[in-house]
């Protein structure tokens, strides 16, 4: 079989991406530029062995899910992502689907916000990316039987996106506003991407399973997200009082969610403790060899 060039492209894209731009710690001398295979595998959520086979041409047909994960991890442009799909024998995502690709500039911005827990979601609130500190604070998100973790599915089922046992407490009266804003976001996503099957399935599932969602959806309530204080009940550091802000990326409809604390506050100290733990966990997982 003729080599498609996928392996060479993956290696070149990996070589040009610096660890700092991906939010990864750097220790000691590095023998080669760019990311190590272990680092890219960690970022994309694939095994190192599978990545080696892709780069060596022994595997040439990644799934659409793996191709999308590699494109995000490598911080590819839209044109590069489309080319990755094409040489993998896949149809690139069309304009009628909710964007799930994070532009390189947004990737770098999020990576450099290492001082705060931060995550990126699609317009329909599928979780795409999150920082190590986000996982340390809110628990490591895990995919559901529907694929990517989704904030609406979790919230209206009475769960958090991360580990069990972690709770997020909203100020009195703000929970209703938050829920209405989530439903409004989904309504806008359906209007903008009417042919996206994941959005249609999400609406159908939530309508069937959640009376609260069904009531908000049927009333046509429209609400905007507001900056607000939330208390995260974390098993390691206890209650952490944080400001939660949501930003929308123009042209992509992506949502960036960030939790912050005032410098010198008790909450900031707790985040510092979790940050050290998160960095140590990432370093151990990557087995950095200096």
C-alpha atoms as a PDB file:
ATOM      1  CA  UNK A   1       0.000   0.000   0.000  1.00  0.00           C
ATOM      2  CA  UNK A   2       1.343   3.442  -0.916  1.00  0.00           C
ATOM      3  CA  UNK A   3       2.299   5.608   2.048  1.00  0.00           C
ATOM      4  CA  UNK A   4      -0.261   8.398   2.442  1.00  0.00           C
ATOM      5  CA  UNK A   5       2.256  10.662   4.170  1.00  0.00           C
ATOM      6  CA  UNK A   6       0.237  10.705   7.382  1.00  0.00           C
ATOM      7  CA  UNK A   7       3.160   9.564   9.522  1.00  0.00           C
ATOM      8  CA  UNK A   8       5.561  12.188   8.205  1.00  0.00           C
ATOM      9  CA  UNK A   9       2.977  14.927   8.694  1.00  0.00           C
ATOM     10  CA  UNK A  10       2.261  13.900  12.269  1.00  0.00           C
ATOM     11  CA  UNK A  11       5.980  13.930  13.051  1.00  0.00           C
ATOM     12  CA  UNK A  12       6.471  17.384  11.489  1.00  0.00           C
ATOM     13  CA  UNK A  13       3.462  18.832  13.283  1.00  0.00           C
ATOM     14  CA  UNK A  14       4.663  17.329  16.570  1.00  0.00           C
ATOM     15  CA  UNK A  15       8.171  18.744  16.079  1.00  0.00           C
ATOM     16  CA  UNK A  16       6.944  22.307  15.604  1.00  0.00           C
ATOM     17  CA  UNK A  17       4.742  22.457  18.737  1.00  0.00           C
ATOM     18  CA  UNK A  18       6.489  23.594  21.896  1.00  0.00           C
ATOM     19  CA  UNK A  19       5.485  22.038  25.250  1.00  0.00           C
ATOM     20  CA  UNK A  20       4.799  25.484  26.749  1.00  0.00           C
ATOM     21  CA  UNK A  21       2.189  26.168  24.047  1.00  0.00           C
ATOM     22  CA  UNK A  22       0.428  22.970  25.075  1.00  0.00           C
ATOM     23  CA  UNK A  23       0.549  23.805  28.775  1.00  0.00           C
ATOM     24  CA  UNK A  24       3.057  21.074  29.593  1.00  0.00           C
ATOM     25  CA  UNK A  25       5.890  21.354  32.138  1.00  0.00           C
ATOM     26  CA  UNK A  26       9.453  21.333  30.786  1.00  0.00           C
ATOM     27  CA  UNK A  27      12.307  19.851  32.786  1.00  0.00           C
ATOM     28  CA  UNK A  28      15.982  19.728  31.831  1.00  0.00           C
ATOM     29  CA  UNK A  29      17.520  19.223  28.412  1.00  0.00           C
ATOM     30  CA  UNK A  30      15.393  17.946  25.534  1.00  0.00           C
ATOM     31  CA  UNK A  31      17.186  16.036  22.782  1.00  0.00           C
ATOM     32  CA  UNK A  32      14.710  16.974  20.044  1.00  0.00           C
ATOM     33  CA  UNK A  33      12.455  19.971  19.315  1.00  0.00           C
ATOM     34  CA  UNK A  34       8.732  19.899  19.833  1.00  0.00           C
ATOM     35  CA  UNK A  35       6.594  17.424  21.724  1.00  0.00           C
ATOM     36  CA  UNK A  36       7.614  13.930  22.694  1.00  0.00           C
ATOM     37  CA  UNK A  37       5.409  11.076  21.552  1.00  0.00           C
ATOM     38  CA  UNK A  38       4.371  10.475  25.153  1.00  0.00           C
ATOM     39  CA  UNK A  39       3.265  14.092  25.470  1.00  0.00           C
ATOM     40  CA  UNK A  40       1.223  14.097  22.265  1.00  0.00           C
ATOM     41  CA  UNK A  41      -0.367  10.768  23.187  1.00  0.00           C
ATOM     42  CA  UNK A  42      -1.335  12.193  26.583  1.00  0.00           C
ATOM     43  CA  UNK A  43      -2.825  15.339  25.037  1.00  0.00           C
ATOM     44  CA  UNK A  44      -4.778  13.429  22.385  1.00  0.00           C
ATOM     45  CA  UNK A  45      -5.929  10.630  24.680  1.00  0.00           C
ATOM     46  CA  UNK A  46      -4.414   7.822  22.597  1.00  0.00           C
ATOM     47  CA  UNK A  47      -1.845   5.176  23.468  1.00  0.00           C
ATOM     48  CA  UNK A  48       1.827   5.787  22.731  1.00  0.00           C
ATOM     49  CA  UNK A  49       1.942   2.481  20.851  1.00  0.00           C
ATOM     50  CA  UNK A  50      -0.868   3.557  18.520  1.00  0.00           C
ATOM     51  CA  UNK A  51       0.791   6.924  17.897  1.00  0.00           C
ATOM     52  CA  UNK A  52       4.060   5.142  17.029  1.00  0.00           C
ATOM     53  CA  UNK A  53       2.201   2.940  14.532  1.00  0.00           C
ATOM     54  CA  UNK A  54       0.590   6.011  12.935  1.00  0.00           C
ATOM     55  CA  UNK A  55       3.932   7.799  12.630  1.00  0.00           C
ATOM     56  CA  UNK A  56       5.646   4.716  11.209  1.00  0.00           C
ATOM     57  CA  UNK A  57       2.909   4.097   8.663  1.00  0.00           C
ATOM     58  CA  UNK A  58       1.816   0.790  10.214  1.00  0.00           C
ATOM     59  CA  UNK A  59      -1.576   2.348  10.982  1.00  0.00           C
ATOM     60  CA  UNK A  60      -3.047   4.729   8.405  1.00  0.00           C
ATOM     61  CA  UNK A  61      -6.757   4.982   9.098  1.00  0.00           C
ATOM     62  CA  UNK A  62      -7.450   6.661  12.466  1.00  0.00           C
ATOM     63  CA  UNK A  63     -11.091   7.098  13.391  1.00  0.00           C
ATOM     64  CA  UNK A  64     -12.747  10.505  13.068  1.00  0.00           C
ATOM     65  CA  UNK A  65     -12.640  10.830  16.860  1.00  0.00           C
ATOM     66  CA  UNK A  66      -8.881  10.144  16.975  1.00  0.00           C
ATOM     67  CA  UNK A  67      -8.208  12.468  14.018  1.00  0.00           C
ATOM     68  CA  UNK A  68     -10.130  15.281  15.726  1.00  0.00           C
ATOM     69  CA  UNK A  69      -8.252  14.686  18.987  1.00  0.00           C
ATOM     70  CA  UNK A  70      -4.895  14.758  17.192  1.00  0.00           C
ATOM     71  CA  UNK A  71      -5.856  17.959  15.378  1.00  0.00           C
ATOM     72  CA  UNK A  72      -6.687  19.659  18.679  1.00  0.00           C
ATOM     73  CA  UNK A  73      -3.589  18.342  20.447  1.00  0.00           C
ATOM     74  CA  UNK A  74      -1.328  19.444  17.571  1.00  0.00           C
ATOM     75  CA  UNK A  75      -3.067  22.841  17.383  1.00  0.00           C
ATOM     76  CA  UNK A  76      -3.697  22.542  13.651  1.00  0.00           C
ATOM     77  CA  UNK A  77      -5.287  25.268  11.573  1.00  0.00           C
ATOM     78  CA  UNK A  78      -8.649  24.581   9.916  1.00  0.00           C
ATOM     79  CA  UNK A  79      -6.918  23.819   6.601  1.00  0.00           C
ATOM     80  CA  UNK A  80      -4.434  21.464   8.267  1.00  0.00           C
ATOM     81  CA  UNK A  81      -7.195  19.688  10.143  1.00  0.00           C
ATOM     82  CA  UNK A  82      -9.116  19.164   6.887  1.00  0.00           C
ATOM     83  CA  UNK A  83      -5.965  17.762   5.260  1.00  0.00           C
ATOM     84  CA  UNK A  84      -5.431  15.400   8.213  1.00  0.00           C
ATOM     85  CA  UNK A  85      -8.951  14.060   7.750  1.00  0.00           C
ATOM     86  CA  UNK A  86      -8.547  13.702   3.991  1.00  0.00           C
ATOM     87  CA  UNK A  87      -5.254  11.766   4.073  1.00  0.00           C
ATOM     88  CA  UNK A  88      -6.763   9.546   6.766  1.00  0.00           C
ATOM     89  CA  UNK A  89      -9.588   8.638   4.389  1.00  0.00           C
ATOM     90  CA  UNK A  90     -12.145  10.636   6.362  1.00  0.00           C
ATOM     91  CA  UNK A  91     -14.665  13.291   5.428  1.00  0.00           C
ATOM     92  CA  UNK A  92     -13.764  16.601   7.123  1.00  0.00           C
ATOM     93  CA  UNK A  93     -16.446  18.047   9.436  1.00  0.00           C
ATOM     94  CA  UNK A  94     -18.886  20.172   7.455  1.00  0.00           C
ATOM     95  CA  UNK A  95     -20.108  23.724   8.119  1.00  0.00           C
ATOM     96  CA  UNK A  96     -23.480  22.405   9.302  1.00  0.00           C
ATOM     97  CA  UNK A  97     -21.956  20.709  12.357  1.00  0.00           C
ATOM     98  CA  UNK A  98     -21.210  22.301  15.725  1.00  0.00           C
ATOM     99  CA  UNK A  99     -17.490  23.260  15.616  1.00  0.00           C
ATOM    100  CA  UNK A 100     -15.369  20.985  17.787  1.00  0.00           C
ATOM    101  CA  UNK A 101     -11.966  22.259  16.672  1.00  0.00           C
ATOM    102  CA  UNK A 102     -10.090  24.695  18.912  1.00  0.00           C
ATOM    103  CA  UNK A 103      -8.109  27.294  16.923  1.00  0.00           C
ATOM    104  CA  UNK A 104      -4.350  27.415  17.693  1.00  0.00           C
ATOM    105  CA  UNK A 105      -4.602  30.887  19.258  1.00  0.00           C
ATOM    106  CA  UNK A 106      -7.282  29.732  21.660  1.00  0.00           C
ATOM    107  CA  UNK A 107      -5.232  26.611  22.446  1.00  0.00           C
ATOM    108  CA  UNK A 108      -2.215  28.729  23.364  1.00  0.00           C
ATOM    109  CA  UNK A 109      -4.336  31.107  25.435  1.00  0.00           C
ATOM    110  CA  UNK A 110      -5.866  28.272  27.422  1.00  0.00           C
ATOM    111  CA  UNK A 111      -2.489  26.537  27.850  1.00  0.00           C
ATOM    112  CA  UNK A 112      -0.958  29.690  29.286  1.00  0.00           C
ATOM    113  CA  UNK A 113      -3.787  30.148  31.757  1.00  0.00           C
ATOM    114  CA  UNK A 114      -2.112  27.539  33.929  1.00  0.00           C
ATOM    115  CA  UNK A 115      -2.817  29.550  37.069  1.00  0.00           C
ATOM    116  CA  UNK A 116      -6.563  28.894  36.855  1.00  0.00           C
ATOM    117  CA  UNK A 117      -8.860  25.923  36.262  1.00  0.00           C
ATOM    118  CA  UNK A 118     -10.019  26.368  32.664  1.00  0.00           C
ATOM    119  CA  UNK A 119     -11.908  24.262  30.109  1.00  0.00           C
ATOM    120  CA  UNK A 120     -13.196  24.618  26.543  1.00  0.00           C
ATOM    121  CA  UNK A 121     -16.659  23.451  25.433  1.00  0.00           C
ATOM    122  CA  UNK A 122     -18.540  23.395  22.123  1.00  0.00           C
ATOM    123  CA  UNK A 123     -21.640  25.492  21.491  1.00  0.00           C
ATOM    124  CA  UNK A 124     -23.702  22.509  22.710  1.00  0.00           C
ATOM    125  CA  UNK A 125     -21.523  22.162  25.833  1.00  0.00           C
ATOM    126  CA  UNK A 126     -19.529  19.077  24.854  1.00  0.00           C
ATOM    127  CA  UNK A 127     -16.238  19.182  26.761  1.00  0.00           C
ATOM    128  CA  UNK A 128     -13.251  19.448  24.384  1.00  0.00           C
ATOM    129  CA  UNK A 129     -10.255  20.365  26.526  1.00  0.00           C
ATOM    130  CA  UNK A 130      -9.382  21.115  30.145  1.00  0.00           C
ATOM    131  CA  UNK A 131      -6.336  22.071  32.164  1.00  0.00           C
ATOM    132  CA  UNK A 132      -4.709  19.798  34.773  1.00  0.00           C
ATOM    133  CA  UNK A 133      -5.858  22.229  37.484  1.00  0.00           C
ATOM    134  CA  UNK A 134      -9.462  21.915  36.238  1.00  0.00           C
ATOM    135  CA  UNK A 135      -9.232  18.140  36.729  1.00  0.00           C
ATOM    136  CA  UNK A 136      -7.609  18.548  40.153  1.00  0.00           C
ATOM    137  CA  UNK A 137     -10.384  20.893  41.295  1.00  0.00           C
ATOM    138  CA  UNK A 138     -13.458  19.367  39.660  1.00  0.00           C
ATOM    139  CA  UNK A 139     -12.396  15.779  39.033  1.00  0.00           C
ATOM    140  CA  UNK A 140     -11.116  14.050  35.918  1.00  0.00           C
ATOM    141  CA  UNK A 141     -13.926  14.117  33.308  1.00  0.00           C
ATOM    142  CA  UNK A 142     -14.750  10.791  31.714  1.00  0.00           C
ATOM    143  CA  UNK A 143     -16.575  10.140  28.425  1.00  0.00           C
ATOM    144  CA  UNK A 144     -20.155   8.936  28.633  1.00  0.00           C
ATOM    145  CA  UNK A 145     -21.818   6.268  26.525  1.00  0.00           C
ATOM    146  CA  UNK A 146     -22.717   9.151  24.185  1.00  0.00           C
ATOM    147  CA  UNK A 147     -19.085  10.124  23.613  1.00  0.00           C
ATOM    148  CA  UNK A 148     -17.628  13.363  24.951  1.00  0.00           C
ATOM    149  CA  UNK A 149     -18.706  14.531  28.424  1.00  0.00           C
ATOM    150  CA  UNK A 150     -21.529  17.034  28.096  1.00  0.00           C
ATOM    151  CA  UNK A 151     -22.366  19.669  30.706  1.00  0.00           C
ATOM    152  CA  UNK A 152     -26.116  19.630  30.018  1.00  0.00           C
ATOM    153  CA  UNK A 153     -26.346  15.853  30.254  1.00  0.00           C
ATOM    154  CA  UNK A 154     -24.448  15.868  33.545  1.00  0.00           C
ATOM    155  CA  UNK A 155     -26.182  18.846  35.114  1.00  0.00           C
ATOM    156  CA  UNK A 156     -29.759  17.798  34.359  1.00  0.00           C
ATOM    157  CA  UNK A 157     -28.947  14.277  35.576  1.00  0.00           C
ATOM    158  CA  UNK A 158     -27.783  15.728  38.897  1.00  0.00           C
ATOM    159  CA  UNK A 159     -24.089  14.944  38.357  1.00  0.00           C
ATOM    160  CA  UNK A 160     -20.861  16.870  37.803  1.00  0.00           C
ATOM    161  CA  UNK A 161     -18.609  16.329  34.800  1.00  0.00           C
ATOM    162  CA  UNK A 162     -15.809  15.007  36.999  1.00  0.00           C
ATOM    163  CA  UNK A 163     -15.321  12.516  39.790  1.00  0.00           C
ATOM    164  CA  UNK A 164     -18.175  11.606  42.076  1.00  0.00           C
ATOM    165  CA  UNK A 165     -18.184  13.281  45.458  1.00  0.00           C
ATOM    166  CA  UNK A 166     -17.363  16.766  44.148  1.00  0.00           C
ATOM    167  CA  UNK A 167     -20.189  19.274  44.363  1.00  0.00           C
ATOM    168  CA  UNK A 168     -20.606  22.796  42.992  1.00  0.00           C
ATOM    169  CA  UNK A 169     -22.863  25.084  45.034  1.00  0.00           C
ATOM    170  CA  UNK A 170     -24.385  28.160  43.368  1.00  0.00           C
ATOM    171  CA  UNK A 171     -25.579  31.276  45.247  1.00  0.00           C
ATOM    172  CA  UNK A 172     -29.250  31.368  46.094  1.00  0.00           C
ATOM    173  CA  UNK A 173     -31.341  32.165  43.018  1.00  0.00           C
ATOM    174  CA  UNK A 174     -28.489  31.841  40.531  1.00  0.00           C
ATOM    175  CA  UNK A 175     -29.038  28.153  39.763  1.00  0.00           C
ATOM    176  CA  UNK A 176     -32.229  28.943  37.874  1.00  0.00           C
ATOM    177  CA  UNK A 177     -30.434  31.594  35.817  1.00  0.00           C
ATOM    178  CA  UNK A 178     -27.579  29.206  35.077  1.00  0.00           C
ATOM    179  CA  UNK A 179     -29.927  26.442  33.935  1.00  0.00           C
ATOM    180  CA  UNK A 180     -31.873  28.846  31.727  1.00  0.00           C
ATOM    181  CA  UNK A 181     -28.643  30.074  30.132  1.00  0.00           C
ATOM    182  CA  UNK A 182     -27.539  26.503  29.354  1.00  0.00           C
ATOM    183  CA  UNK A 183     -30.874  25.763  27.677  1.00  0.00           C
ATOM    184  CA  UNK A 184     -30.673  29.061  25.773  1.00  0.00           C
ATOM    185  CA  UNK A 185     -27.214  28.084  24.506  1.00  0.00           C
ATOM    186  CA  UNK A 186     -28.567  24.765  23.255  1.00  0.00           C
ATOM    187  CA  UNK A 187     -31.495  26.488  21.569  1.00  0.00           C
ATOM    188  CA  UNK A 188     -29.070  28.834  19.769  1.00  0.00           C
ATOM    189  CA  UNK A 189     -26.885  25.871  18.758  1.00  0.00           C
ATOM    190  CA  UNK A 190     -29.888  24.116  17.226  1.00  0.00           C
ATOM    191  CA  UNK A 191     -30.814  27.269  15.311  1.00  0.00           C
ATOM    192  CA  UNK A 192     -27.294  27.789  13.994  1.00  0.00           C
ATOM    193  CA  UNK A 193     -26.551  24.121  13.263  1.00  0.00           C
ATOM    194  CA  UNK A 194     -29.968  22.598  12.443  1.00  0.00           C
ATOM    195  CA  UNK A 195     -28.462  19.517  10.760  1.00  0.00           C
ATOM    196  CA  UNK A 196     -26.107  18.511  13.567  1.00  0.00           C
ATOM    197  CA  UNK A 197     -27.233  15.051  14.674  1.00  0.00           C
ATOM    198  CA  UNK A 198     -25.474  15.250  18.067  1.00  0.00           C
ATOM    199  CA  UNK A 199     -27.476  18.374  18.935  1.00  0.00           C
ATOM    200  CA  UNK A 200     -30.746  16.752  17.892  1.00  0.00           C
ATOM    201  CA  UNK A 201     -29.957  13.631  19.926  1.00  0.00           C
ATOM    202  CA  UNK A 202     -28.998  15.720  22.964  1.00  0.00           C
ATOM    203  CA  UNK A 203     -32.288  17.637  22.870  1.00  0.00           C
ATOM    204  CA  UNK A 204     -34.299  14.434  22.487  1.00  0.00           C
ATOM    205  CA  UNK A 205     -32.485  12.681  25.344  1.00  0.00           C
ATOM    206  CA  UNK A 206     -32.813  15.628  27.735  1.00  0.00           C
ATOM    207  CA  UNK A 207     -36.482  16.139  26.856  1.00  0.00           C
ATOM    208  CA  UNK A 208     -37.182  12.500  27.652  1.00  0.00           C
ATOM    209  CA  UNK A 209     -35.109  12.280  30.831  1.00  0.00           C
ATOM    210  CA  UNK A 210     -35.370  15.652  32.610  1.00  0.00           C
ATOM    211  CA  UNK A 211     -38.586  17.362  33.633  1.00  0.00           C
ATOM    212  CA  UNK A 212     -36.632  20.517  34.539  1.00  0.00           C
ATOM    213  CA  UNK A 213     -35.011  20.701  31.096  1.00  0.00           C
ATOM    214  CA  UNK A 214     -38.334  20.010  29.388  1.00  0.00           C
ATOM    215  CA  UNK A 215     -40.012  22.873  31.255  1.00  0.00           C
ATOM    216  CA  UNK A 216     -37.249  25.344  30.356  1.00  0.00           C
ATOM    217  CA  UNK A 217     -37.179  24.184  26.742  1.00  0.00           C
ATOM    218  CA  UNK A 218     -40.959  24.391  26.316  1.00  0.00           C
ATOM    219  CA  UNK A 219     -41.227  27.902  27.783  1.00  0.00           C
ATOM    220  CA  UNK A 220     -38.643  29.246  25.350  1.00  0.00           C
ATOM    221  CA  UNK A 221     -36.781  30.985  28.181  1.00  0.00           C
ATOM    222  CA  UNK A 222     -33.805  33.059  27.034  1.00  0.00           C
ATOM    223  CA  UNK A 223     -31.019  33.942  29.441  1.00  0.00           C
ATOM    224  CA  UNK A 224     -27.383  35.059  29.277  1.00  0.00           C
ATOM    225  CA  UNK A 225     -24.490  33.749  31.359  1.00  0.00           C
ATOM    226  CA  UNK A 226     -23.422  35.915  34.265  1.00  0.00           C
ATOM    227  CA  UNK A 227     -20.195  36.106  36.214  1.00  0.00           C
ATOM    228  CA  UNK A 228     -20.924  34.560  39.594  1.00  0.00           C
ATOM    229  CA  UNK A 229     -19.379  33.104  42.707  1.00  0.00           C
ATOM    230  CA  UNK A 230     -19.536  29.338  43.186  1.00  0.00           C
ATOM    231  CA  UNK A 231     -18.342  27.066  45.946  1.00  0.00           C
ATOM    232  CA  UNK A 232     -16.586  23.887  44.863  1.00  0.00           C
ATOM    233  CA  UNK A 233     -16.563  21.158  47.506  1.00  0.00           C
ATOM    234  CA  UNK A 234     -13.260  19.407  46.816  1.00  0.00           C
ATOM    235  CA  UNK A 235     -12.260  16.250  48.709  1.00  0.00           C
ATOM    236  CA  UNK A 236      -8.616  17.345  49.029  1.00  0.00           C
ATOM    237  CA  UNK A 237      -8.823  21.026  50.057  1.00  0.00           C
ATOM    238  CA  UNK A 238     -12.429  21.345  51.193  1.00  0.00           C
ATOM    239  CA  UNK A 239     -14.730  24.190  50.123  1.00  0.00           C
ATOM    240  CA  UNK A 240     -13.196  26.591  47.597  1.00  0.00           C
ATOM    241  CA  UNK A 241     -15.039  29.872  46.875  1.00  0.00           C
ATOM    242  CA  UNK A 242     -14.310  30.948  43.292  1.00  0.00           C
ATOM    243  CA  UNK A 243     -15.538  33.338  40.621  1.00  0.00           C
ATOM    244  CA  UNK A 244     -16.803  31.551  37.516  1.00  0.00           C
ATOM    245  CA  UNK A 245     -16.720  33.314  34.147  1.00  0.00           C
ATOM    246  CA  UNK A 246     -17.756  32.109  30.696  1.00  0.00           C
ATOM    247  CA  UNK A 247     -16.344  33.546  27.474  1.00  0.00           C
ATOM    248  CA  UNK A 248     -17.440  32.810  23.900  1.00  0.00           C
ATOM    249  CA  UNK A 249     -14.879  32.618  21.084  1.00  0.00           C
ATOM    250  CA  UNK A 250     -16.014  34.640  18.069  1.00  0.00           C
ATOM    251  CA  UNK A 251     -16.401  32.653  14.866  1.00  0.00           C
ATOM    252  CA  UNK A 252     -16.417  29.239  16.564  1.00  0.00           C
ATOM    253  CA  UNK A 253     -19.136  29.469  19.240  1.00  0.00           C
ATOM    254  CA  UNK A 254     -16.735  27.753  21.653  1.00  0.00           C
ATOM    255  CA  UNK A 255     -17.227  28.417  25.369  1.00  0.00           C
ATOM    256  CA  UNK A 256     -14.231  28.976  27.666  1.00  0.00           C
ATOM    257  CA  UNK A 257     -15.012  28.487  31.363  1.00  0.00           C
ATOM    258  CA  UNK A 258     -12.542  29.738  33.975  1.00  0.00           C
ATOM    259  CA  UNK A 259     -12.561  29.662  37.780  1.00  0.00           C
ATOM    260  CA  UNK A 260     -10.467  32.334  39.505  1.00  0.00           C
ATOM    261  CA  UNK A 261      -9.677  33.547  43.008  1.00  0.00           C
ATOM    262  CA  UNK A 262      -8.350  36.876  44.287  1.00  0.00           C
ATOM    263  CA  UNK A 263      -4.582  36.919  44.879  1.00  0.00           C
ATOM    264  CA  UNK A 264      -3.684  36.203  48.506  1.00  0.00           C
ATOM    265  CA  UNK A 265      -7.102  34.781  49.348  1.00  0.00           C
ATOM    266  CA  UNK A 266      -7.709  31.474  51.093  1.00  0.00           C
ATOM    267  CA  UNK A 267      -9.159  30.113  47.857  1.00  0.00           C
ATOM    268  CA  UNK A 268      -6.014  31.113  45.949  1.00  0.00           C
ATOM    269  CA  UNK A 269      -3.917  29.191  48.460  1.00  0.00           C
ATOM    270  CA  UNK A 270      -6.058  26.100  47.954  1.00  0.00           C
ATOM    271  CA  UNK A 271      -5.692  26.395  44.181  1.00  0.00           C
ATOM    272  CA  UNK A 272      -1.918  26.672  44.592  1.00  0.00           C
ATOM    273  CA  UNK A 273      -1.913  23.416  46.546  1.00  0.00           C
ATOM    274  CA  UNK A 274      -4.002  21.677  43.865  1.00  0.00           C
ATOM    275  CA  UNK A 275      -1.793  23.145  41.123  1.00  0.00           C
ATOM    276  CA  UNK A 276       1.338  21.560  42.570  1.00  0.00           C
ATOM    277  CA  UNK A 277      -0.481  18.232  42.803  1.00  0.00           C
ATOM    278  CA  UNK A 278      -1.716  18.552  39.205  1.00  0.00           C
ATOM    279  CA  UNK A 279       1.731  19.325  37.793  1.00  0.00           C
ATOM    280  CA  UNK A 280       3.222  16.382  39.658  1.00  0.00           C
ATOM    281  CA  UNK A 281       0.520  14.079  38.284  1.00  0.00           C
ATOM    282  CA  UNK A 282       1.097  15.222  34.703  1.00  0.00           C
ATOM    283  CA  UNK A 283       4.844  14.785  35.017  1.00  0.00           C
ATOM    284  CA  UNK A 284       4.441  11.277  36.410  1.00  0.00           C
ATOM    285  CA  UNK A 285       1.981  10.322  33.676  1.00  0.00           C
ATOM    286  CA  UNK A 286       4.316  11.471  30.925  1.00  0.00           C
ATOM    287  CA  UNK A 287       7.340   9.764  32.518  1.00  0.00           C
ATOM    288  CA  UNK A 288       9.596  12.618  31.485  1.00  0.00           C
ATOM    289  CA  UNK A 289      13.145  11.468  30.986  1.00  0.00           C
ATOM    290  CA  UNK A 290      14.807  14.911  31.172  1.00  0.00           C
END
